[in-house]
């Protein structure tokens, strides 16, 4: 079976009551106050043991079942009792990768996975091999479906606060059928911030949401530019590549463009160019998502000064007119 090559890392998160917090670790670490070092890791495996794969990655047909194994390794000096479960993957607000918490219902991959043992006891410095299967529904939609397998340790017992520390391995399923790499840009706004200097430059804050409305996971390169009247004084910025925006997910970004002269209306354009999907090069093969808006770049200091100057001229004109009227009345 052909597998998809894609960058992946083990994920770790901690659940405190109902809040899921990311943990940048490949294996779980001991909480403060633990008397023993409780660490563990998970990895793809064969029935004989870890097999060197960095992630689970399948290309399947609807209705197909795939059997596989998860290696759960206890890296500590005490026995561990770990809960095993699967969950759907989601993007965080900044575009990162996360898995739904245990109490959040999965609707796709998390439901397709059946783990042979929902709980496993692993002796110190040993590895348990746990079989599981992925059963793809006959009506599964084509494209990428992403989730993960988690080994979690819950501590706290009878205390008011329970802490769940978990380590997981990503699982990618690409269902055969028509594929569509597509993204769009929503909710584009631009705001100009000037300075007290009437002839100084200001900044434009551009906020927008990139939505993956296709059925493939995408790496996207966002960029923003603004240009004044007649295309004068163009400013631009290119953001870091979003490594993996999952189908149906969205991320909201903000870029600040500096050096914007208060010349009136500026055209603001946003672009999100698909770069890759897994290892497939999409540059120039898929239309980028684009959107535009207009922002007025005005110096309120200069505007206020101009209004004040015009007001003074009007006042002087009225005074002069009044003086002429009085002189005319005196002569008559």
C-alpha atoms as a PDB file:
ATOM      1  CA  UNK A   1       0.000   0.000   0.000  1.00  0.00           C
ATOM      2  CA  UNK A   2       1.319   3.406  -0.928  1.00  0.00           C
ATOM      3  CA  UNK A   3       1.829   5.774   1.964  1.00  0.00           C
ATOM      4  CA  UNK A   4       1.918   9.525   1.998  1.00  0.00           C
ATOM      5  CA  UNK A   5       5.145  11.238   3.077  1.00  0.00           C
ATOM      6  CA  UNK A   6       4.468  14.293   5.208  1.00  0.00           C
ATOM      7  CA  UNK A   7       6.218  16.163   7.963  1.00  0.00           C
ATOM      8  CA  UNK A   8       5.003  15.047  11.355  1.00  0.00           C
ATOM      9  CA  UNK A   9       5.893  15.326  14.988  1.00  0.00           C
ATOM     10  CA  UNK A  10       4.598  13.615  18.087  1.00  0.00           C
ATOM     11  CA  UNK A  11       2.194  15.780  19.960  1.00  0.00           C
ATOM     12  CA  UNK A  12       1.728  16.242  23.676  1.00  0.00           C
ATOM     13  CA  UNK A  13      -1.014  18.068  25.463  1.00  0.00           C
ATOM     14  CA  UNK A  14      -2.214  18.432  29.014  1.00  0.00           C
ATOM     15  CA  UNK A  15      -5.864  18.609  30.003  1.00  0.00           C
ATOM     16  CA  UNK A  16      -6.533  20.475  33.216  1.00  0.00           C
ATOM     17  CA  UNK A  17     -10.219  20.075  34.058  1.00  0.00           C
ATOM     18  CA  UNK A  18     -11.639  20.971  30.588  1.00  0.00           C
ATOM     19  CA  UNK A  19      -8.836  23.135  29.180  1.00  0.00           C
ATOM     20  CA  UNK A  20      -6.550  21.585  26.570  1.00  0.00           C
ATOM     21  CA  UNK A  21      -3.064  23.082  26.637  1.00  0.00           C
ATOM     22  CA  UNK A  22      -0.323  22.247  24.083  1.00  0.00           C
ATOM     23  CA  UNK A  23       2.835  20.609  25.403  1.00  0.00           C
ATOM     24  CA  UNK A  24       5.874  20.846  23.092  1.00  0.00           C
ATOM     25  CA  UNK A  25       7.186  17.409  24.015  1.00  0.00           C
ATOM     26  CA  UNK A  26       7.564  14.122  22.168  1.00  0.00           C
ATOM     27  CA  UNK A  27       6.971  12.264  25.404  1.00  0.00           C
ATOM     28  CA  UNK A  28       5.070  13.103  28.554  1.00  0.00           C
ATOM     29  CA  UNK A  29       7.078  14.647  31.386  1.00  0.00           C
ATOM     30  CA  UNK A  30       6.552  14.441  35.136  1.00  0.00           C
ATOM     31  CA  UNK A  31       4.338  17.000  36.783  1.00  0.00           C
ATOM     32  CA  UNK A  32       5.724  19.134  39.581  1.00  0.00           C
ATOM     33  CA  UNK A  33       5.749  17.137  42.791  1.00  0.00           C
ATOM     34  CA  UNK A  34       5.818  13.695  41.154  1.00  0.00           C
ATOM     35  CA  UNK A  35       7.891  11.322  43.227  1.00  0.00           C
ATOM     36  CA  UNK A  36       8.773   9.145  40.243  1.00  0.00           C
ATOM     37  CA  UNK A  37       9.722  10.062  36.727  1.00  0.00           C
ATOM     38  CA  UNK A  38       6.674   9.227  34.591  1.00  0.00           C
ATOM     39  CA  UNK A  39       7.497   9.522  30.915  1.00  0.00           C
ATOM     40  CA  UNK A  40       6.298   7.608  27.911  1.00  0.00           C
ATOM     41  CA  UNK A  41       6.181   7.767  24.142  1.00  0.00           C
ATOM     42  CA  UNK A  42       4.084   6.340  21.326  1.00  0.00           C
ATOM     43  CA  UNK A  43       5.071   5.347  17.797  1.00  0.00           C
ATOM     44  CA  UNK A  44       3.828   3.307  14.838  1.00  0.00           C
ATOM     45  CA  UNK A  45       4.800  -0.345  15.020  1.00  0.00           C
ATOM     46  CA  UNK A  46       4.434  -3.791  13.581  1.00  0.00           C
ATOM     47  CA  UNK A  47       3.377  -6.769  15.674  1.00  0.00           C
ATOM     48  CA  UNK A  48       7.065  -7.247  16.524  1.00  0.00           C
ATOM     49  CA  UNK A  49       7.774  -3.694  17.717  1.00  0.00           C
ATOM     50  CA  UNK A  50       8.410  -0.124  16.555  1.00  0.00           C
ATOM     51  CA  UNK A  51       9.078  -0.122  12.819  1.00  0.00           C
ATOM     52  CA  UNK A  52      10.644   3.289  12.223  1.00  0.00           C
ATOM     53  CA  UNK A  53       7.623   5.074  10.764  1.00  0.00           C
ATOM     54  CA  UNK A  54       7.202   8.646  11.931  1.00  0.00           C
ATOM     55  CA  UNK A  55       3.404   8.606  11.620  1.00  0.00           C
ATOM     56  CA  UNK A  56       0.474   6.509  10.453  1.00  0.00           C
ATOM     57  CA  UNK A  57      -0.220   7.271   6.818  1.00  0.00           C
ATOM     58  CA  UNK A  58      -2.687   5.384   4.623  1.00  0.00           C
ATOM     59  CA  UNK A  59      -4.223   5.609   1.167  1.00  0.00           C
ATOM     60  CA  UNK A  60      -7.468   3.643   1.234  1.00  0.00           C
ATOM     61  CA  UNK A  61     -10.676   2.886  -0.620  1.00  0.00           C
ATOM     62  CA  UNK A  62     -14.100   3.528   0.946  1.00  0.00           C
ATOM     63  CA  UNK A  63     -15.218   0.501   2.944  1.00  0.00           C
ATOM     64  CA  UNK A  64     -11.660  -0.711   3.502  1.00  0.00           C
ATOM     65  CA  UNK A  65     -10.253  -1.890   6.841  1.00  0.00           C
ATOM     66  CA  UNK A  66      -6.605  -1.436   7.747  1.00  0.00           C
ATOM     67  CA  UNK A  67      -4.994  -3.238  10.690  1.00  0.00           C
ATOM     68  CA  UNK A  68      -1.962  -1.731  12.385  1.00  0.00           C
ATOM     69  CA  UNK A  69      -0.124  -1.477  15.710  1.00  0.00           C
ATOM     70  CA  UNK A  70       0.839   1.230  18.195  1.00  0.00           C
ATOM     71  CA  UNK A  71       3.963   0.946  20.360  1.00  0.00           C
ATOM     72  CA  UNK A  72       3.595   2.458  23.838  1.00  0.00           C
ATOM     73  CA  UNK A  73       6.953   2.729  25.556  1.00  0.00           C
ATOM     74  CA  UNK A  74       7.357   3.391  29.280  1.00  0.00           C
ATOM     75  CA  UNK A  75      10.528   5.472  29.672  1.00  0.00           C
ATOM     76  CA  UNK A  76      10.279   5.742  33.452  1.00  0.00           C
ATOM     77  CA  UNK A  77      11.147   3.600  36.436  1.00  0.00           C
ATOM     78  CA  UNK A  78       7.595   2.877  37.600  1.00  0.00           C
ATOM     79  CA  UNK A  79       4.709   0.975  36.064  1.00  0.00           C
ATOM     80  CA  UNK A  80       2.246   3.058  34.060  1.00  0.00           C
ATOM     81  CA  UNK A  81      -1.471   2.529  33.432  1.00  0.00           C
ATOM     82  CA  UNK A  82      -2.373   4.544  30.322  1.00  0.00           C
ATOM     83  CA  UNK A  83      -5.679   5.188  28.594  1.00  0.00           C
ATOM     84  CA  UNK A  84      -5.660   4.751  24.812  1.00  0.00           C
ATOM     85  CA  UNK A  85      -8.087   6.539  22.519  1.00  0.00           C
ATOM     86  CA  UNK A  86      -8.356   8.178  19.107  1.00  0.00           C
ATOM     87  CA  UNK A  87      -9.467  11.679  18.124  1.00  0.00           C
ATOM     88  CA  UNK A  88      -9.983  13.920  15.138  1.00  0.00           C
ATOM     89  CA  UNK A  89      -7.326  16.509  14.361  1.00  0.00           C
ATOM     90  CA  UNK A  90      -8.033  20.244  14.251  1.00  0.00           C
ATOM     91  CA  UNK A  91      -6.045  23.388  13.617  1.00  0.00           C
ATOM     92  CA  UNK A  92      -5.514  25.807  16.477  1.00  0.00           C
ATOM     93  CA  UNK A  93      -6.278  29.488  16.032  1.00  0.00           C
ATOM     94  CA  UNK A  94      -2.707  30.109  14.913  1.00  0.00           C
ATOM     95  CA  UNK A  95      -2.604  27.176  12.503  1.00  0.00           C
ATOM     96  CA  UNK A  96      -0.982  24.606  14.767  1.00  0.00           C
ATOM     97  CA  UNK A  97      -1.917  20.917  14.941  1.00  0.00           C
ATOM     98  CA  UNK A  98      -4.019  19.581  17.805  1.00  0.00           C
ATOM     99  CA  UNK A  99      -6.318  16.672  18.642  1.00  0.00           C
ATOM    100  CA  UNK A 100      -9.780  16.895  20.123  1.00  0.00           C
ATOM    101  CA  UNK A 101      -9.914  16.266  23.850  1.00  0.00           C
ATOM    102  CA  UNK A 102     -11.255  12.983  25.141  1.00  0.00           C
ATOM    103  CA  UNK A 103     -14.663  14.501  25.954  1.00  0.00           C
ATOM    104  CA  UNK A 104     -15.025  16.196  22.550  1.00  0.00           C
ATOM    105  CA  UNK A 105     -16.864  13.960  20.059  1.00  0.00           C
ATOM    106  CA  UNK A 106     -14.950  12.993  16.923  1.00  0.00           C
ATOM    107  CA  UNK A 107     -16.887  12.726  13.665  1.00  0.00           C
ATOM    108  CA  UNK A 108     -14.380  11.243  11.221  1.00  0.00           C
ATOM    109  CA  UNK A 109     -11.042   9.504  11.859  1.00  0.00           C
ATOM    110  CA  UNK A 110     -11.620   9.376  15.602  1.00  0.00           C
ATOM    111  CA  UNK A 111     -14.729   7.292  14.932  1.00  0.00           C
ATOM    112  CA  UNK A 112     -13.043   5.085  12.346  1.00  0.00           C
ATOM    113  CA  UNK A 113     -10.376   3.823  14.751  1.00  0.00           C
ATOM    114  CA  UNK A 114     -10.945   0.907  17.112  1.00  0.00           C
ATOM    115  CA  UNK A 115      -8.214   0.227  19.686  1.00  0.00           C
ATOM    116  CA  UNK A 116      -8.008  -3.367  20.899  1.00  0.00           C
ATOM    117  CA  UNK A 117      -7.315  -2.274  24.486  1.00  0.00           C
ATOM    118  CA  UNK A 118      -8.663   1.052  25.793  1.00  0.00           C
ATOM    119  CA  UNK A 119      -6.250   0.804  28.719  1.00  0.00           C
ATOM    120  CA  UNK A 120      -2.758  -0.662  28.853  1.00  0.00           C
ATOM    121  CA  UNK A 121      -0.396  -1.311  31.763  1.00  0.00           C
ATOM    122  CA  UNK A 122       3.246  -0.946  30.782  1.00  0.00           C
ATOM    123  CA  UNK A 123       6.017  -2.080  33.156  1.00  0.00           C
ATOM    124  CA  UNK A 124       9.020   0.191  33.714  1.00  0.00           C
ATOM    125  CA  UNK A 125      11.392   0.465  30.747  1.00  0.00           C
ATOM    126  CA  UNK A 126       9.226  -1.820  28.618  1.00  0.00           C
ATOM    127  CA  UNK A 127       7.104  -1.433  25.490  1.00  0.00           C
ATOM    128  CA  UNK A 128       3.555  -2.606  24.889  1.00  0.00           C
ATOM    129  CA  UNK A 129       2.358  -3.287  21.340  1.00  0.00           C
ATOM    130  CA  UNK A 130      -1.330  -2.485  20.960  1.00  0.00           C
ATOM    131  CA  UNK A 131      -3.264  -3.572  17.846  1.00  0.00           C
ATOM    132  CA  UNK A 132      -5.882  -1.268  16.357  1.00  0.00           C
ATOM    133  CA  UNK A 133      -7.801  -0.993  13.121  1.00  0.00           C
ATOM    134  CA  UNK A 134      -9.058   1.765  10.871  1.00  0.00           C
ATOM    135  CA  UNK A 135     -12.383   0.975   9.215  1.00  0.00           C
ATOM    136  CA  UNK A 136     -13.278   3.459   6.499  1.00  0.00           C
ATOM    137  CA  UNK A 137     -17.036   3.852   5.943  1.00  0.00           C
ATOM    138  CA  UNK A 138     -18.371   2.930   2.521  1.00  0.00           C
ATOM    139  CA  UNK A 139     -19.686   6.479   2.128  1.00  0.00           C
ATOM    140  CA  UNK A 140     -16.475   8.211   3.276  1.00  0.00           C
ATOM    141  CA  UNK A 141     -15.793  11.389   1.355  1.00  0.00           C
ATOM    142  CA  UNK A 142     -12.655  11.446  -0.818  1.00  0.00           C
ATOM    143  CA  UNK A 143      -9.625  13.385   0.321  1.00  0.00           C
ATOM    144  CA  UNK A 144      -7.623  13.804   3.514  1.00  0.00           C
ATOM    145  CA  UNK A 145      -8.950  12.842   6.926  1.00  0.00           C
ATOM    146  CA  UNK A 146      -6.632  13.452   9.857  1.00  0.00           C
ATOM    147  CA  UNK A 147      -6.593  12.355  13.470  1.00  0.00           C
ATOM    148  CA  UNK A 148      -4.338  10.663  15.978  1.00  0.00           C
ATOM    149  CA  UNK A 149      -3.887   7.969  18.609  1.00  0.00           C
ATOM    150  CA  UNK A 150      -3.318   9.071  22.195  1.00  0.00           C
ATOM    151  CA  UNK A 151      -1.836   7.464  25.301  1.00  0.00           C
ATOM    152  CA  UNK A 152      -2.953   9.457  28.345  1.00  0.00           C
ATOM    153  CA  UNK A 153      -2.214   9.413  32.066  1.00  0.00           C
ATOM    154  CA  UNK A 154      -4.727  10.997  34.431  1.00  0.00           C
ATOM    155  CA  UNK A 155      -3.542  12.040  37.875  1.00  0.00           C
ATOM    156  CA  UNK A 156      -5.250  13.771  40.748  1.00  0.00           C
ATOM    157  CA  UNK A 157      -7.406  10.997  42.145  1.00  0.00           C
ATOM    158  CA  UNK A 158      -9.930  12.423  44.592  1.00  0.00           C
ATOM    159  CA  UNK A 159      -8.553  15.959  44.402  1.00  0.00           C
ATOM    160  CA  UNK A 160     -10.775  18.692  42.890  1.00  0.00           C
ATOM    161  CA  UNK A 161      -8.455  19.056  39.883  1.00  0.00           C
ATOM    162  CA  UNK A 162      -7.567  16.167  37.611  1.00  0.00           C
ATOM    163  CA  UNK A 163      -4.649  16.526  35.227  1.00  0.00           C
ATOM    164  CA  UNK A 164      -4.454  14.532  32.011  1.00  0.00           C
ATOM    165  CA  UNK A 165      -1.064  14.315  30.342  1.00  0.00           C
ATOM    166  CA  UNK A 166      -1.098  12.766  26.913  1.00  0.00           C
ATOM    167  CA  UNK A 167       1.191  11.859  24.057  1.00  0.00           C
ATOM    168  CA  UNK A 168      -0.049  11.048  20.595  1.00  0.00           C
ATOM    169  CA  UNK A 169       0.920  10.031  17.101  1.00  0.00           C
ATOM    170  CA  UNK A 170      -0.648  11.593  14.024  1.00  0.00           C
ATOM    171  CA  UNK A 171      -2.715   9.474  11.684  1.00  0.00           C
ATOM    172  CA  UNK A 172      -3.432  10.461   8.073  1.00  0.00           C
ATOM    173  CA  UNK A 173      -6.012   8.771   5.872  1.00  0.00           C
ATOM    174  CA  UNK A 174      -6.412   9.759   2.220  1.00  0.00           C
ATOM    175  CA  UNK A 175      -9.587   8.267   0.794  1.00  0.00           C
ATOM    176  CA  UNK A 176      -9.421   7.567  -2.941  1.00  0.00           C
ATOM    177  CA  UNK A 177     -11.671   9.579  -5.232  1.00  0.00           C
ATOM    178  CA  UNK A 178     -11.916  13.101  -6.710  1.00  0.00           C
ATOM    179  CA  UNK A 179      -9.601  15.499  -4.922  1.00  0.00           C
ATOM    180  CA  UNK A 180      -9.748  19.274  -4.689  1.00  0.00           C
ATOM    181  CA  UNK A 181      -7.032  21.586  -3.411  1.00  0.00           C
ATOM    182  CA  UNK A 182      -8.759  24.867  -2.697  1.00  0.00           C
ATOM    183  CA  UNK A 183      -8.685  27.736  -0.211  1.00  0.00           C
ATOM    184  CA  UNK A 184     -10.473  31.039   0.207  1.00  0.00           C
ATOM    185  CA  UNK A 185     -10.007  34.240   2.207  1.00  0.00           C
ATOM    186  CA  UNK A 186     -12.795  35.537   4.455  1.00  0.00           C
ATOM    187  CA  UNK A 187     -13.320  38.450   6.844  1.00  0.00           C
ATOM    188  CA  UNK A 188     -10.671  40.767   5.398  1.00  0.00           C
ATOM    189  CA  UNK A 189     -10.309  44.043   7.292  1.00  0.00           C
ATOM    190  CA  UNK A 190      -7.696  46.806   7.133  1.00  0.00           C
ATOM    191  CA  UNK A 191      -7.170  49.628   9.628  1.00  0.00           C
ATOM    192  CA  UNK A 192      -4.824  52.609   9.256  1.00  0.00           C
ATOM    193  CA  UNK A 193      -2.952  53.991  12.269  1.00  0.00           C
ATOM    194  CA  UNK A 194      -1.317  57.358  11.727  1.00  0.00           C
ATOM    195  CA  UNK A 195       1.128  59.388  13.815  1.00  0.00           C
ATOM    196  CA  UNK A 196       1.065  62.854  15.357  1.00  0.00           C
ATOM    197  CA  UNK A 197       3.518  63.984  12.704  1.00  0.00           C
ATOM    198  CA  UNK A 198       1.276  65.470   9.952  1.00  0.00           C
ATOM    199  CA  UNK A 199       3.755  64.414   7.253  1.00  0.00           C
ATOM    200  CA  UNK A 200       4.846  61.133   8.867  1.00  0.00           C
ATOM    201  CA  UNK A 201       4.025  57.621   7.737  1.00  0.00           C
ATOM    202  CA  UNK A 202       1.628  55.281   9.508  1.00  0.00           C
ATOM    203  CA  UNK A 203       0.802  51.592   9.653  1.00  0.00           C
ATOM    204  CA  UNK A 204      -1.951  49.411   8.251  1.00  0.00           C
ATOM    205  CA  UNK A 205      -3.144  46.382  10.248  1.00  0.00           C
ATOM    206  CA  UNK A 206      -4.541  43.726   7.912  1.00  0.00           C
ATOM    207  CA  UNK A 207      -6.570  40.873   9.443  1.00  0.00           C
ATOM    208  CA  UNK A 208      -8.048  38.004   7.449  1.00  0.00           C
ATOM    209  CA  UNK A 209      -9.082  34.361   7.690  1.00  0.00           C
ATOM    210  CA  UNK A 210      -7.787  31.614   5.404  1.00  0.00           C
ATOM    211  CA  UNK A 211     -10.251  28.740   4.989  1.00  0.00           C
ATOM    212  CA  UNK A 212      -9.345  25.366   3.511  1.00  0.00           C
ATOM    213  CA  UNK A 213     -12.542  24.632   1.574  1.00  0.00           C
ATOM    214  CA  UNK A 214     -11.081  21.736  -0.437  1.00  0.00           C
ATOM    215  CA  UNK A 215     -10.523  18.143   0.642  1.00  0.00           C
ATOM    216  CA  UNK A 216      -6.711  18.093   0.841  1.00  0.00           C
ATOM    217  CA  UNK A 217      -4.490  19.354   3.633  1.00  0.00           C
ATOM    218  CA  UNK A 218      -2.503  22.353   2.412  1.00  0.00           C
ATOM    219  CA  UNK A 219       0.688  24.230   3.182  1.00  0.00           C
ATOM    220  CA  UNK A 220       0.018  27.868   2.290  1.00  0.00           C
ATOM    221  CA  UNK A 221       2.195  30.949   1.923  1.00  0.00           C
ATOM    222  CA  UNK A 222       0.292  34.134   2.892  1.00  0.00           C
ATOM    223  CA  UNK A 223       1.224  37.604   1.652  1.00  0.00           C
ATOM    224  CA  UNK A 224      -0.215  41.113   1.938  1.00  0.00           C
ATOM    225  CA  UNK A 225       0.416  44.329   0.019  1.00  0.00           C
ATOM    226  CA  UNK A 226      -1.001  47.843  -0.032  1.00  0.00           C
ATOM    227  CA  UNK A 227      -0.586  50.565  -2.649  1.00  0.00           C
ATOM    228  CA  UNK A 228      -1.622  54.209  -2.694  1.00  0.00           C
ATOM    229  CA  UNK A 229      -3.491  56.138  -5.398  1.00  0.00           C
ATOM    230  CA  UNK A 230      -2.293  55.299  -8.939  1.00  0.00           C
ATOM    231  CA  UNK A 231      -0.229  52.450  -7.487  1.00  0.00           C
ATOM    232  CA  UNK A 232       2.109  54.812  -5.633  1.00  0.00           C
ATOM    233  CA  UNK A 233       4.194  53.754  -2.637  1.00  0.00           C
ATOM    234  CA  UNK A 234       3.502  50.024  -2.533  1.00  0.00           C
ATOM    235  CA  UNK A 235       4.250  48.152   0.664  1.00  0.00           C
ATOM    236  CA  UNK A 236       4.102  44.392   1.195  1.00  0.00           C
ATOM    237  CA  UNK A 237       4.860  41.524   3.562  1.00  0.00           C
ATOM    238  CA  UNK A 238       5.065  37.743   3.214  1.00  0.00           C
ATOM    239  CA  UNK A 239       4.208  35.606   6.214  1.00  0.00           C
ATOM    240  CA  UNK A 240       5.646  32.268   7.269  1.00  0.00           C
ATOM    241  CA  UNK A 241       4.275  29.235   5.462  1.00  0.00           C
ATOM    242  CA  UNK A 242       1.327  27.633   7.246  1.00  0.00           C
ATOM    243  CA  UNK A 243       2.610  24.049   7.360  1.00  0.00           C
ATOM    244  CA  UNK A 244      -0.692  22.184   7.425  1.00  0.00           C
ATOM    245  CA  UNK A 245      -4.168  23.672   7.132  1.00  0.00           C
ATOM    246  CA  UNK A 246      -6.598  20.761   7.382  1.00  0.00           C
ATOM    247  CA  UNK A 247      -9.731  20.456   5.208  1.00  0.00           C
ATOM    248  CA  UNK A 248     -12.620  22.421   6.670  1.00  0.00           C
ATOM    249  CA  UNK A 249     -10.353  24.296   9.076  1.00  0.00           C
ATOM    250  CA  UNK A 250      -9.467  27.979   9.160  1.00  0.00           C
ATOM    251  CA  UNK A 251      -6.802  30.248  10.614  1.00  0.00           C
ATOM    252  CA  UNK A 252      -6.958  33.993  11.254  1.00  0.00           C
ATOM    253  CA  UNK A 253      -3.825  36.053  10.653  1.00  0.00           C
ATOM    254  CA  UNK A 254      -2.829  39.690  11.133  1.00  0.00           C
ATOM    255  CA  UNK A 255      -0.032  41.492   9.293  1.00  0.00           C
ATOM    256  CA  UNK A 256       1.144  45.045   9.931  1.00  0.00           C
ATOM    257  CA  UNK A 257       2.431  47.060   6.972  1.00  0.00           C
ATOM    258  CA  UNK A 258       4.659  50.003   7.895  1.00  0.00           C
ATOM    259  CA  UNK A 259       5.715  53.076   5.951  1.00  0.00           C
ATOM    260  CA  UNK A 260       2.217  53.921   4.686  1.00  0.00           C
ATOM    261  CA  UNK A 261       1.938  57.559   3.609  1.00  0.00           C
ATOM    262  CA  UNK A 262      -1.343  59.384   4.368  1.00  0.00           C
ATOM    263  CA  UNK A 263      -2.270  59.779   0.705  1.00  0.00           C
ATOM    264  CA  UNK A 264      -5.921  58.801   0.937  1.00  0.00           C
ATOM    265  CA  UNK A 265      -7.383  55.496  -0.315  1.00  0.00           C
ATOM    266  CA  UNK A 266      -5.039  52.498  -0.482  1.00  0.00           C
ATOM    267  CA  UNK A 267      -5.786  49.207  -2.194  1.00  0.00           C
ATOM    268  CA  UNK A 268      -5.063  46.251   0.094  1.00  0.00           C
ATOM    269  CA  UNK A 269      -4.610  42.790  -1.428  1.00  0.00           C
ATOM    270  CA  UNK A 270      -4.221  39.485   0.409  1.00  0.00           C
ATOM    271  CA  UNK A 271      -2.981  36.276  -1.201  1.00  0.00           C
ATOM    272  CA  UNK A 272      -2.642  32.719   0.112  1.00  0.00           C
ATOM    273  CA  UNK A 273      -0.685  30.523  -2.279  1.00  0.00           C
ATOM    274  CA  UNK A 274      -0.931  26.722  -1.925  1.00  0.00           C
ATOM    275  CA  UNK A 275       2.637  25.392  -1.801  1.00  0.00           C
ATOM    276  CA  UNK A 276       2.352  21.664  -1.058  1.00  0.00           C
ATOM    277  CA  UNK A 277      -0.053  18.961   0.009  1.00  0.00           C
ATOM    278  CA  UNK A 278       1.859  16.196   1.765  1.00  0.00           C
ATOM    279  CA  UNK A 279       4.889  15.947  -0.575  1.00  0.00           C
ATOM    280  CA  UNK A 280       2.992  17.038  -3.671  1.00  0.00           C
ATOM    281  CA  UNK A 281       4.267  20.347  -5.061  1.00  0.00           C
ATOM    282  CA  UNK A 282       1.271  22.608  -5.674  1.00  0.00           C
ATOM    283  CA  UNK A 283       3.109  25.852  -6.478  1.00  0.00           C
ATOM    284  CA  UNK A 284       1.552  27.394  -9.598  1.00  0.00           C
ATOM    285  CA  UNK A 285      -0.587  24.270 -10.044  1.00  0.00           C
ATOM    286  CA  UNK A 286      -3.440  25.469  -7.800  1.00  0.00           C
ATOM    287  CA  UNK A 287      -4.987  28.923  -7.953  1.00  0.00           C
ATOM    288  CA  UNK A 288      -4.096  31.051  -4.930  1.00  0.00           C
ATOM    289  CA  UNK A 289      -6.827  32.464  -2.725  1.00  0.00           C
ATOM    290  CA  UNK A 290      -7.078  36.244  -3.027  1.00  0.00           C
ATOM    291  CA  UNK A 291      -9.145  39.059  -1.581  1.00  0.00           C
ATOM    292  CA  UNK A 292      -9.014  42.840  -1.553  1.00  0.00           C
ATOM    293  CA  UNK A 293     -10.339  45.874   0.252  1.00  0.00           C
ATOM    294  CA  UNK A 294      -9.716  49.635   0.536  1.00  0.00           C
ATOM    295  CA  UNK A 295      -8.408  51.515   3.532  1.00  0.00           C
ATOM    296  CA  UNK A 296      -8.227  55.297   3.862  1.00  0.00           C
ATOM    297  CA  UNK A 297      -4.824  56.476   5.015  1.00  0.00           C
ATOM    298  CA  UNK A 298      -5.308  59.966   6.409  1.00  0.00           C
ATOM    299  CA  UNK A 299      -3.298  62.007   8.875  1.00  0.00           C
ATOM    300  CA  UNK A 300      -5.756  63.305  11.421  1.00  0.00           C
ATOM    301  CA  UNK A 301      -3.138  65.781  12.604  1.00  0.00           C
ATOM    302  CA  UNK A 302      -2.828  67.196   9.098  1.00  0.00           C
ATOM    303  CA  UNK A 303      -6.586  67.046   8.627  1.00  0.00           C
ATOM    304  CA  UNK A 304      -7.178  68.852  11.911  1.00  0.00           C
ATOM    305  CA  UNK A 305      -4.577  71.481  11.017  1.00  0.00           C
ATOM    306  CA  UNK A 306      -6.222  72.005   7.632  1.00  0.00           C
ATOM    307  CA  UNK A 307      -9.683  72.296   9.197  1.00  0.00           C
ATOM    308  CA  UNK A 308      -8.344  74.789  11.727  1.00  0.00           C
ATOM    309  CA  UNK A 309      -6.660  76.824   8.976  1.00  0.00           C
ATOM    310  CA  UNK A 310      -9.855  76.895   6.900  1.00  0.00           C
ATOM    311  CA  UNK A 311     -11.805  77.916   9.995  1.00  0.00           C
ATOM    312  CA  UNK A 312      -9.414  80.803  10.605  1.00  0.00           C
ATOM    313  CA  UNK A 313      -9.767  81.954   6.989  1.00  0.00           C
ATOM    314  CA  UNK A 314     -13.554  81.846   7.257  1.00  0.00           C
ATOM    315  CA  UNK A 315     -13.436  83.773  10.541  1.00  0.00           C
ATOM    316  CA  UNK A 316     -11.148  86.440   9.042  1.00  0.00           C
ATOM    317  CA  UNK A 317     -13.386  86.744   5.992  1.00  0.00           C
ATOM    318  CA  UNK A 318     -16.437  87.237   8.211  1.00  0.00           C
ATOM    319  CA  UNK A 319     -14.634  89.835  10.359  1.00  0.00           C
ATOM    320  CA  UNK A 320     -13.499  91.700   7.255  1.00  0.00           C
ATOM    321  CA  UNK A 321     -17.007  91.588   5.827  1.00  0.00           C
ATOM    322  CA  UNK A 322     -18.403  92.894   9.103  1.00  0.00           C
ATOM    323  CA  UNK A 323     -15.881  95.786   9.143  1.00  0.00           C
ATOM    324  CA  UNK A 324     -16.847  96.746   5.601  1.00  0.00           C
ATOM    325  CA  UNK A 325     -20.506  96.697   6.564  1.00  0.00           C
ATOM    326  CA  UNK A 326     -19.865  98.973   9.559  1.00  0.00           C
ATOM    327  CA  UNK A 327     -17.861 101.420   7.443  1.00  0.00           C
ATOM    328  CA  UNK A 328     -20.587 101.520   4.842  1.00  0.00           C
ATOM    329  CA  UNK A 329     -23.196 102.194   7.558  1.00  0.00           C
ATOM    330  CA  UNK A 330     -21.064 105.010   9.053  1.00  0.00           C
ATOM    331  CA  UNK A 331     -20.734 106.774   5.683  1.00  0.00           C
ATOM    332  CA  UNK A 332     -24.444 106.694   5.137  1.00  0.00           C
END
